[in-house]
Amino acid sequence: MAIRNAIISAAIMLVLAAQANANGVTARIMQQGFGNAGLVGLSVDFDWDGTPDLSDPGSIYAGEFRFLFDASDPDSSPLAADLLTSPFMAFCSELEQPAVEDQWMTYQIAPIEQSPVGGTRLISSDKANDLRELFGKHRSDVTDAFSGEAFSACLWEIIYENPVNAYDLTAGALQISQLDGNAPTLAAAWLADILGDVAEYDFGLFALTNDQAQDFALASTNWQGSPQPIPEPLTMLTLMGSLAALGAAVRRRLTA
């Protein structure tokens, strides 16, 4: 009985390990995309109870992050290699946890609706579609620090605003006092352009998640809408081989 339980436990551990890495990506934030652009006076009511949970009057970086990607790392999956090249760009989609810069991290590739991991709530399907429209219509308009700042502000507004309110950076659950340059004009126009235009949805939108750090939103034409639900064939072969070796060892012990 003890030997059988040991086999079952080992099998479960191997399966969990395989599944954990099936959608993994090892990446490191190399630098902020177009340089520093800091919005001022960010306030967020994460749980929509009328009291701000984050209130920072200082300057907070907003814009793209440039990542290095290590496809050769054991925690980087074939799915990651299919979606990403090094370097790649992504936008912060979580304000409740810090970004970890200059350090290799393992993220999980997930549908945008399954983020932010570690946050107060996951992105709803309606908000996910609004994000798809934002990416579909205006991702290509991010060409400098100010437009990157505007895009980040729009992304955060869509994610964190209470659905009963209109998208408005000056009121509601998420508020920003000051954006730089032409970012206020861009952000206001882009938020007003979220009209439910299905034809404009960027269905390549997905998330990189980590339960100890900020999540990120990005898009790839290779994204099929969901991660691999089971380990890749190579992982499965490795798993089967490991179990076979374990079973042979147990049989030898029983017949000795």
C-alpha atoms as a PDB file:
ATOM      1  CA  MET A   1       0.000   0.000   0.000  1.00  0.00           C
ATOM      2  CA  ALA A   2       2.795   2.435   0.909  1.00  0.00           C
ATOM      3  CA  ILE A   3       4.564   1.722  -2.378  1.00  0.00           C
ATOM      4  CA  ARG A   4       1.351   2.228  -4.361  1.00  0.00           C
ATOM      5  CA  ASN A   5       0.714   5.533  -2.592  1.00  0.00           C
ATOM      6  CA  ALA A   6       4.259   6.615  -3.375  1.00  0.00           C
ATOM      7  CA  ILE A   7       3.697   5.900  -7.065  1.00  0.00           C
ATOM      8  CA  ILE A   8       0.442   7.855  -7.081  1.00  0.00           C
ATOM      9  CA  SER A   9       2.051  10.800  -5.279  1.00  0.00           C
ATOM     10  CA  ALA A  10       4.977  10.823  -7.696  1.00  0.00           C
ATOM     11  CA  ALA A  11       2.610  10.702 -10.663  1.00  0.00           C
ATOM     12  CA  ILE A  12       0.588  13.639  -9.356  1.00  0.00           C
ATOM     13  CA  MET A  13       3.734  15.696  -8.752  1.00  0.00           C
ATOM     14  CA  LEU A  14       5.010  14.977 -12.251  1.00  0.00           C
ATOM     15  CA  VAL A  15       1.682  15.906 -13.833  1.00  0.00           C
ATOM     16  CA  LEU A  16       1.467  19.155 -11.864  1.00  0.00           C
ATOM     17  CA  ALA A  17       5.030  20.060 -12.765  1.00  0.00           C
ATOM     18  CA  ALA A  18       4.337  19.398 -16.445  1.00  0.00           C
ATOM     19  CA  GLN A  19       1.144  21.456 -16.410  1.00  0.00           C
ATOM     20  CA  ALA A  20       2.824  24.338 -14.548  1.00  0.00           C
ATOM     21  CA  ASN A  21       5.404  24.697 -17.327  1.00  0.00           C
ATOM     22  CA  ALA A  22       3.032  24.002 -20.232  1.00  0.00           C
ATOM     23  CA  ASN A  23       2.298  27.728 -20.618  1.00  0.00           C
ATOM     24  CA  GLY A  24       5.353  29.208 -18.918  1.00  0.00           C
ATOM     25  CA  VAL A  25       7.635  31.957 -20.174  1.00  0.00           C
ATOM     26  CA  THR A  26      10.908  33.088 -18.629  1.00  0.00           C
ATOM     27  CA  ALA A  27      11.357  36.800 -19.225  1.00  0.00           C
ATOM     28  CA  ARG A  28      13.034  39.854 -17.735  1.00  0.00           C
ATOM     29  CA  ILE A  29      12.033  43.508 -17.905  1.00  0.00           C
ATOM     30  CA  MET A  30      14.964  45.087 -19.709  1.00  0.00           C
ATOM     31  CA  GLN A  31      13.865  48.711 -19.807  1.00  0.00           C
ATOM     32  CA  GLN A  32      10.900  50.998 -20.117  1.00  0.00           C
ATOM     33  CA  GLY A  33       9.900  51.146 -23.752  1.00  0.00           C
ATOM     34  CA  PHE A  34      10.123  54.751 -24.957  1.00  0.00           C
ATOM     35  CA  GLY A  35      11.704  56.112 -21.797  1.00  0.00           C
ATOM     36  CA  ASN A  36      10.226  57.665 -18.688  1.00  0.00           C
ATOM     37  CA  ALA A  37       6.754  59.151 -18.818  1.00  0.00           C
ATOM     38  CA  GLY A  38       5.109  59.615 -15.472  1.00  0.00           C
ATOM     39  CA  LEU A  39       1.466  60.241 -14.791  1.00  0.00           C
ATOM     40  CA  VAL A  40       0.679  62.131 -11.588  1.00  0.00           C
ATOM     41  CA  GLY A  41      -1.996  61.668  -8.947  1.00  0.00           C
ATOM     42  CA  LEU A  42      -3.106  58.076  -9.490  1.00  0.00           C
ATOM     43  CA  SER A  43      -6.026  56.987  -7.295  1.00  0.00           C
ATOM     44  CA  VAL A  44      -7.744  53.587  -7.515  1.00  0.00           C
ATOM     45  CA  ASP A  45     -10.674  52.096  -5.624  1.00  0.00           C
ATOM     46  CA  PHE A  46      -9.989  48.422  -6.356  1.00  0.00           C
ATOM     47  CA  ASP A  47     -13.045  46.993  -4.574  1.00  0.00           C
ATOM     48  CA  TRP A  48     -15.451  49.777  -5.643  1.00  0.00           C
ATOM     49  CA  ASP A  49     -16.512  50.535  -2.049  1.00  0.00           C
ATOM     50  CA  GLY A  50     -16.110  54.312  -2.437  1.00  0.00           C
ATOM     51  CA  THR A  51     -12.722  54.519  -0.673  1.00  0.00           C
ATOM     52  CA  PRO A  52      -9.462  54.684  -2.657  1.00  0.00           C
ATOM     53  CA  ASP A  53      -7.192  51.713  -1.941  1.00  0.00           C
ATOM     54  CA  LEU A  54      -4.245  53.233  -3.794  1.00  0.00           C
ATOM     55  CA  SER A  55      -3.566  56.932  -3.696  1.00  0.00           C
ATOM     56  CA  ASP A  56      -0.205  58.182  -4.929  1.00  0.00           C
ATOM     57  CA  PRO A  57       0.212  61.909  -5.618  1.00  0.00           C
ATOM     58  CA  GLY A  58       3.687  61.371  -7.063  1.00  0.00           C
ATOM     59  CA  SER A  59       4.837  60.421 -10.528  1.00  0.00           C
ATOM     60  CA  ILE A  60       4.195  56.805 -11.567  1.00  0.00           C
ATOM     61  CA  TYR A  61       5.709  55.294 -14.699  1.00  0.00           C
ATOM     62  CA  ALA A  62       3.180  54.545 -17.417  1.00  0.00           C
ATOM     63  CA  GLY A  63       3.953  53.081 -20.807  1.00  0.00           C
ATOM     64  CA  GLU A  64       5.434  50.051 -22.478  1.00  0.00           C
ATOM     65  CA  PHE A  65       7.897  47.654 -20.906  1.00  0.00           C
ATOM     66  CA  ARG A  66      10.562  45.982 -23.009  1.00  0.00           C
ATOM     67  CA  PHE A  67      11.196  42.342 -22.080  1.00  0.00           C
ATOM     68  CA  LEU A  68      13.984  39.919 -22.864  1.00  0.00           C
ATOM     69  CA  PHE A  69      12.738  36.371 -23.447  1.00  0.00           C
ATOM     70  CA  ASP A  70      14.784  33.223 -22.762  1.00  0.00           C
ATOM     71  CA  ALA A  71      13.315  30.525 -25.003  1.00  0.00           C
ATOM     72  CA  SER A  72      16.009  28.054 -23.900  1.00  0.00           C
ATOM     73  CA  ASP A  73      14.999  28.154 -20.225  1.00  0.00           C
ATOM     74  CA  PRO A  74      13.277  24.927 -19.037  1.00  0.00           C
ATOM     75  CA  ASP A  75      10.333  26.975 -17.768  1.00  0.00           C
ATOM     76  CA  SER A  76       9.733  28.519 -21.202  1.00  0.00           C
ATOM     77  CA  SER A  77       7.149  26.498 -23.103  1.00  0.00           C
ATOM     78  CA  PRO A  78       6.804  25.859 -26.852  1.00  0.00           C
ATOM     79  CA  LEU A  79       3.705  28.052 -26.657  1.00  0.00           C
ATOM     80  CA  ALA A  80       5.879  30.938 -25.452  1.00  0.00           C
ATOM     81  CA  ALA A  81       8.301  30.429 -28.335  1.00  0.00           C
ATOM     82  CA  ASP A  82       5.344  30.505 -30.744  1.00  0.00           C
ATOM     83  CA  LEU A  83       4.004  33.791 -29.353  1.00  0.00           C
ATOM     84  CA  LEU A  84       7.099  35.739 -28.354  1.00  0.00           C
ATOM     85  CA  THR A  85      10.411  36.912 -29.728  1.00  0.00           C
ATOM     86  CA  SER A  86      13.169  38.628 -27.786  1.00  0.00           C
ATOM     87  CA  PRO A  87      12.808  41.456 -27.063  1.00  0.00           C
ATOM     88  CA  PHE A  88       9.040  41.941 -26.874  1.00  0.00           C
ATOM     89  CA  MET A  89       6.837  44.765 -25.613  1.00  0.00           C
ATOM     90  CA  ALA A  90       3.977  44.588 -23.116  1.00  0.00           C
ATOM     91  CA  PHE A  91       1.826  46.903 -21.004  1.00  0.00           C
ATOM     92  CA  CYS A  92       1.269  46.617 -17.258  1.00  0.00           C
ATOM     93  CA  SER A  93      -2.271  45.399 -16.595  1.00  0.00           C
ATOM     94  CA  GLU A  94      -2.104  45.316 -12.799  1.00  0.00           C
ATOM     95  CA  LEU A  95      -1.712  48.108 -10.265  1.00  0.00           C
ATOM     96  CA  GLU A  96      -1.989  46.006  -7.101  1.00  0.00           C
ATOM     97  CA  GLN A  97       1.471  44.421  -7.279  1.00  0.00           C
ATOM     98  CA  PRO A  98       4.884  45.864  -8.233  1.00  0.00           C
ATOM     99  CA  ALA A  99       6.784  45.217 -11.425  1.00  0.00           C
ATOM    100  CA  VAL A 100       9.971  43.212 -10.927  1.00  0.00           C
ATOM    101  CA  GLU A 101      12.687  44.740 -13.090  1.00  0.00           C
ATOM    102  CA  ASP A 102      16.161  43.430 -14.009  1.00  0.00           C
ATOM    103  CA  GLN A 103      15.352  39.930 -12.762  1.00  0.00           C
ATOM    104  CA  TRP A 104      14.400  36.791 -14.661  1.00  0.00           C
ATOM    105  CA  MET A 105      10.832  35.813 -13.802  1.00  0.00           C
ATOM    106  CA  THR A 106       8.575  32.954 -14.829  1.00  0.00           C
ATOM    107  CA  TYR A 107       5.183  34.133 -16.061  1.00  0.00           C
ATOM    108  CA  GLN A 108       2.222  32.068 -17.210  1.00  0.00           C
ATOM    109  CA  ILE A 109       0.531  32.733 -20.537  1.00  0.00           C
ATOM    110  CA  ALA A 110      -3.215  33.084 -20.000  1.00  0.00           C
ATOM    111  CA  PRO A 111      -6.351  34.534 -21.584  1.00  0.00           C
ATOM    112  CA  ILE A 112      -6.734  38.179 -20.664  1.00  0.00           C
ATOM    113  CA  GLU A 113      -9.883  37.241 -18.694  1.00  0.00           C
ATOM    114  CA  GLN A 114      -7.717  35.175 -16.304  1.00  0.00           C
ATOM    115  CA  SER A 115      -5.757  38.198 -15.126  1.00  0.00           C
ATOM    116  CA  PRO A 116      -4.665  39.972 -13.069  1.00  0.00           C
ATOM    117  CA  VAL A 117      -3.555  37.069 -10.866  1.00  0.00           C
ATOM    118  CA  GLY A 118      -3.268  38.293  -7.283  1.00  0.00           C
ATOM    119  CA  GLY A 119      -5.592  41.228  -7.891  1.00  0.00           C
ATOM    120  CA  THR A 120      -8.974  42.030  -6.390  1.00  0.00           C
ATOM    121  CA  ARG A 121     -10.933  40.641  -9.354  1.00  0.00           C
ATOM    122  CA  LEU A 122     -10.382  39.126 -12.755  1.00  0.00           C
ATOM    123  CA  ILE A 123     -11.106  41.083 -15.924  1.00  0.00           C
ATOM    124  CA  SER A 124     -14.719  40.542 -16.974  1.00  0.00           C
ATOM    125  CA  SER A 125     -15.628  39.416 -20.494  1.00  0.00           C
ATOM    126  CA  ASP A 126     -17.083  42.854 -21.304  1.00  0.00           C
ATOM    127  CA  LYS A 127     -13.951  44.631 -20.141  1.00  0.00           C
ATOM    128  CA  ALA A 128     -11.809  42.096 -22.007  1.00  0.00           C
ATOM    129  CA  ASN A 129     -13.635  42.998 -25.210  1.00  0.00           C
ATOM    130  CA  ASP A 130     -13.115  46.699 -24.531  1.00  0.00           C
ATOM    131  CA  LEU A 131      -9.400  45.981 -24.118  1.00  0.00           C
ATOM    132  CA  ARG A 132      -9.410  44.068 -27.397  1.00  0.00           C
ATOM    133  CA  GLU A 133     -10.981  47.075 -29.092  1.00  0.00           C
ATOM    134  CA  LEU A 134      -8.405  49.397 -27.532  1.00  0.00           C
ATOM    135  CA  PHE A 135      -5.571  47.198 -28.816  1.00  0.00           C
ATOM    136  CA  GLY A 136      -7.227  46.676 -32.183  1.00  0.00           C
ATOM    137  CA  LYS A 137      -7.788  50.369 -32.803  1.00  0.00           C
ATOM    138  CA  HIS A 138      -4.899  52.126 -31.098  1.00  0.00           C
ATOM    139  CA  ARG A 139      -2.012  49.797 -30.229  1.00  0.00           C
ATOM    140  CA  SER A 140      -0.319  50.848 -33.458  1.00  0.00           C
ATOM    141  CA  ASP A 141      -0.688  54.511 -32.428  1.00  0.00           C
ATOM    142  CA  VAL A 142       1.828  54.057 -29.587  1.00  0.00           C
ATOM    143  CA  THR A 143       4.941  55.628 -31.084  1.00  0.00           C
ATOM    144  CA  ASP A 144       6.516  57.620 -28.252  1.00  0.00           C
ATOM    145  CA  ALA A 145       6.534  58.078 -24.473  1.00  0.00           C
ATOM    146  CA  PHE A 146       3.409  60.250 -24.399  1.00  0.00           C
ATOM    147  CA  SER A 147       1.255  57.926 -26.509  1.00  0.00           C
ATOM    148  CA  GLY A 148       2.530  54.999 -24.443  1.00  0.00           C
ATOM    149  CA  GLU A 149       1.490  56.822 -21.293  1.00  0.00           C
ATOM    150  CA  ALA A 150      -1.956  57.524 -22.769  1.00  0.00           C
ATOM    151  CA  PHE A 151      -2.390  53.879 -23.783  1.00  0.00           C
ATOM    152  CA  SER A 152      -1.493  52.668 -20.282  1.00  0.00           C
ATOM    153  CA  ALA A 153      -3.932  55.104 -18.713  1.00  0.00           C
ATOM    154  CA  CYS A 154      -6.722  53.841 -20.995  1.00  0.00           C
ATOM    155  CA  LEU A 155      -5.876  50.214 -20.245  1.00  0.00           C
ATOM    156  CA  TRP A 156      -5.965  50.809 -16.469  1.00  0.00           C
ATOM    157  CA  GLU A 157      -9.200  52.804 -16.740  1.00  0.00           C
ATOM    158  CA  ILE A 158     -10.910  49.951 -18.591  1.00  0.00           C
ATOM    159  CA  ILE A 159      -9.672  47.321 -16.137  1.00  0.00           C
ATOM    160  CA  TYR A 160     -10.326  49.147 -12.868  1.00  0.00           C
ATOM    161  CA  GLU A 161     -13.282  51.429 -13.517  1.00  0.00           C
ATOM    162  CA  ASN A 162     -16.590  50.438 -11.951  1.00  0.00           C
ATOM    163  CA  PRO A 163     -18.891  49.347 -14.822  1.00  0.00           C
ATOM    164  CA  VAL A 164     -21.641  51.692 -13.615  1.00  0.00           C
ATOM    165  CA  ASN A 165     -19.436  54.650 -14.577  1.00  0.00           C
ATOM    166  CA  ALA A 166     -18.333  55.900 -17.974  1.00  0.00           C
ATOM    167  CA  TYR A 167     -14.660  55.696 -18.891  1.00  0.00           C
ATOM    168  CA  ASP A 168     -13.304  58.988 -17.550  1.00  0.00           C
ATOM    169  CA  LEU A 169      -9.803  59.480 -16.154  1.00  0.00           C
ATOM    170  CA  THR A 170     -10.908  62.374 -13.955  1.00  0.00           C
ATOM    171  CA  ALA A 171     -13.755  60.607 -12.113  1.00  0.00           C
ATOM    172  CA  GLY A 172     -14.862  57.220 -10.815  1.00  0.00           C
ATOM    173  CA  ALA A 173     -12.947  54.305  -9.322  1.00  0.00           C
ATOM    174  CA  LEU A 174      -9.729  55.180 -11.172  1.00  0.00           C
ATOM    175  CA  GLN A 175      -8.594  58.779 -11.427  1.00  0.00           C
ATOM    176  CA  ILE A 176      -5.436  60.404 -12.759  1.00  0.00           C
ATOM    177  CA  SER A 177      -4.696  64.052 -12.053  1.00  0.00           C
ATOM    178  CA  GLN A 178      -2.112  64.729 -14.731  1.00  0.00           C
ATOM    179  CA  LEU A 179      -0.732  63.170 -17.893  1.00  0.00           C
ATOM    180  CA  ASP A 180       2.227  64.498 -19.874  1.00  0.00           C
ATOM    181  CA  GLY A 181       2.321  66.252 -23.219  1.00  0.00           C
ATOM    182  CA  ASN A 182      -0.519  65.275 -25.550  1.00  0.00           C
ATOM    183  CA  ALA A 183      -1.343  62.155 -23.504  1.00  0.00           C
ATOM    184  CA  PRO A 184      -4.542  63.652 -21.982  1.00  0.00           C
ATOM    185  CA  THR A 185      -5.990  64.393 -25.413  1.00  0.00           C
ATOM    186  CA  LEU A 186      -5.035  60.975 -26.765  1.00  0.00           C
ATOM    187  CA  ALA A 187      -6.384  59.091 -23.743  1.00  0.00           C
ATOM    188  CA  ALA A 188      -9.723  60.935 -23.810  1.00  0.00           C
ATOM    189  CA  ALA A 189     -10.148  60.302 -27.540  1.00  0.00           C
ATOM    190  CA  TRP A 190      -9.202  56.620 -27.304  1.00  0.00           C
ATOM    191  CA  LEU A 191     -11.570  55.962 -24.396  1.00  0.00           C
ATOM    192  CA  ALA A 192     -14.391  57.713 -26.259  1.00  0.00           C
ATOM    193  CA  ASP A 193     -13.617  55.423 -29.201  1.00  0.00           C
ATOM    194  CA  ILE A 194     -14.542  52.253 -27.249  1.00  0.00           C
ATOM    195  CA  LEU A 195     -17.879  51.637 -28.965  1.00  0.00           C
ATOM    196  CA  GLY A 196     -18.208  47.857 -29.110  1.00  0.00           C
ATOM    197  CA  ASP A 197     -16.879  47.619 -32.662  1.00  0.00           C
ATOM    198  CA  VAL A 198     -16.430  43.838 -32.925  1.00  0.00           C
ATOM    199  CA  ALA A 199     -14.593  44.143 -36.231  1.00  0.00           C
ATOM    200  CA  GLU A 200     -11.895  46.123 -34.454  1.00  0.00           C
ATOM    201  CA  TYR A 201     -11.297  43.574 -31.697  1.00  0.00           C
ATOM    202  CA  ASP A 202      -7.704  42.377 -31.478  1.00  0.00           C
ATOM    203  CA  PHE A 203      -8.358  38.730 -30.704  1.00  0.00           C
ATOM    204  CA  GLY A 204      -4.632  38.159 -30.288  1.00  0.00           C
ATOM    205  CA  LEU A 205      -4.767  39.793 -26.850  1.00  0.00           C
ATOM    206  CA  PHE A 206      -3.502  37.702 -23.925  1.00  0.00           C
ATOM    207  CA  ALA A 207      -1.797  38.104 -20.548  1.00  0.00           C
ATOM    208  CA  LEU A 208       1.451  37.219 -18.812  1.00  0.00           C
ATOM    209  CA  THR A 209       0.598  36.466 -15.193  1.00  0.00           C
ATOM    210  CA  ASN A 210       2.569  35.978 -11.994  1.00  0.00           C
ATOM    211  CA  ASP A 211       0.973  35.769  -8.547  1.00  0.00           C
ATOM    212  CA  GLN A 212       3.878  37.671  -6.956  1.00  0.00           C
ATOM    213  CA  ALA A 213       4.292  40.501  -9.456  1.00  0.00           C
ATOM    214  CA  GLN A 214       2.511  42.693 -11.974  1.00  0.00           C
ATOM    215  CA  ASP A 215       0.676  41.076 -14.859  1.00  0.00           C
ATOM    216  CA  PHE A 216       1.061  42.342 -18.415  1.00  0.00           C
ATOM    217  CA  ALA A 217      -1.147  42.604 -21.497  1.00  0.00           C
ATOM    218  CA  LEU A 218       0.139  42.063 -25.029  1.00  0.00           C
ATOM    219  CA  ALA A 219      -0.970  40.664 -28.370  1.00  0.00           C
ATOM    220  CA  SER A 220       0.273  38.153 -30.922  1.00  0.00           C
ATOM    221  CA  THR A 221      -1.243  37.010 -34.195  1.00  0.00           C
ATOM    222  CA  ASN A 222      -0.396  33.432 -33.141  1.00  0.00           C
ATOM    223  CA  TRP A 223      -2.565  33.571 -30.022  1.00  0.00           C
ATOM    224  CA  GLN A 224      -5.501  31.199 -30.461  1.00  0.00           C
ATOM    225  CA  GLY A 225      -7.575  32.378 -27.513  1.00  0.00           C
ATOM    226  CA  SER A 226      -6.608  29.834 -24.853  1.00  0.00           C
ATOM    227  CA  PRO A 227      -3.415  28.261 -23.529  1.00  0.00           C
ATOM    228  CA  GLN A 228      -2.563  24.627 -23.968  1.00  0.00           C
ATOM    229  CA  PRO A 229      -4.787  22.703 -21.533  1.00  0.00           C
ATOM    230  CA  ILE A 230      -2.473  19.697 -21.305  1.00  0.00           C
ATOM    231  CA  PRO A 231       1.314  19.227 -21.334  1.00  0.00           C
ATOM    232  CA  GLU A 232       3.031  19.252 -24.701  1.00  0.00           C
ATOM    233  CA  PRO A 233       3.833  15.867 -26.333  1.00  0.00           C
ATOM    234  CA  LEU A 234       7.480  16.019 -25.295  1.00  0.00           C
ATOM    235  CA  THR A 235       6.478  16.685 -21.702  1.00  0.00           C
ATOM    236  CA  MET A 236       4.011  13.816 -21.810  1.00  0.00           C
ATOM    237  CA  LEU A 237       6.672  11.440 -23.152  1.00  0.00           C
ATOM    238  CA  THR A 238       9.003  12.505 -20.373  1.00  0.00           C
ATOM    239  CA  LEU A 239       6.228  12.008 -17.837  1.00  0.00           C
ATOM    240  CA  MET A 240       5.397   8.532 -19.160  1.00  0.00           C
ATOM    241  CA  GLY A 241       9.041   7.548 -19.158  1.00  0.00           C
ATOM    242  CA  SER A 242       9.479   8.694 -15.581  1.00  0.00           C
ATOM    243  CA  LEU A 243       6.447   6.723 -14.427  1.00  0.00           C
ATOM    244  CA  ALA A 244       7.616   3.619 -16.295  1.00  0.00           C
ATOM    245  CA  ALA A 245      11.031   3.832 -14.648  1.00  0.00           C
ATOM    246  CA  LEU A 246       9.403   4.282 -11.255  1.00  0.00           C
ATOM    247  CA  GLY A 247       7.164   1.253 -11.837  1.00  0.00           C
ATOM    248  CA  ALA A 248      10.107  -0.909 -12.921  1.00  0.00           C
ATOM    249  CA  ALA A 249      12.021   0.054  -9.792  1.00  0.00           C
ATOM    250  CA  VAL A 250       9.070  -0.894  -7.615  1.00  0.00           C
ATOM    251  CA  ARG A 251       8.674  -4.257  -9.400  1.00  0.00           C
ATOM    252  CA  ARG A 252      12.341  -5.070  -8.867  1.00  0.00           C
ATOM    253  CA  ARG A 253      11.967  -4.265  -5.196  1.00  0.00           C
ATOM    254  CA  LEU A 254       8.890  -6.489  -4.846  1.00  0.00           C
ATOM    255  CA  THR A 255      10.547  -9.480  -6.601  1.00  0.00           C
ATOM    256  CA  ALA A 256      13.902  -9.145  -4.838  1.00  0.00           C
END
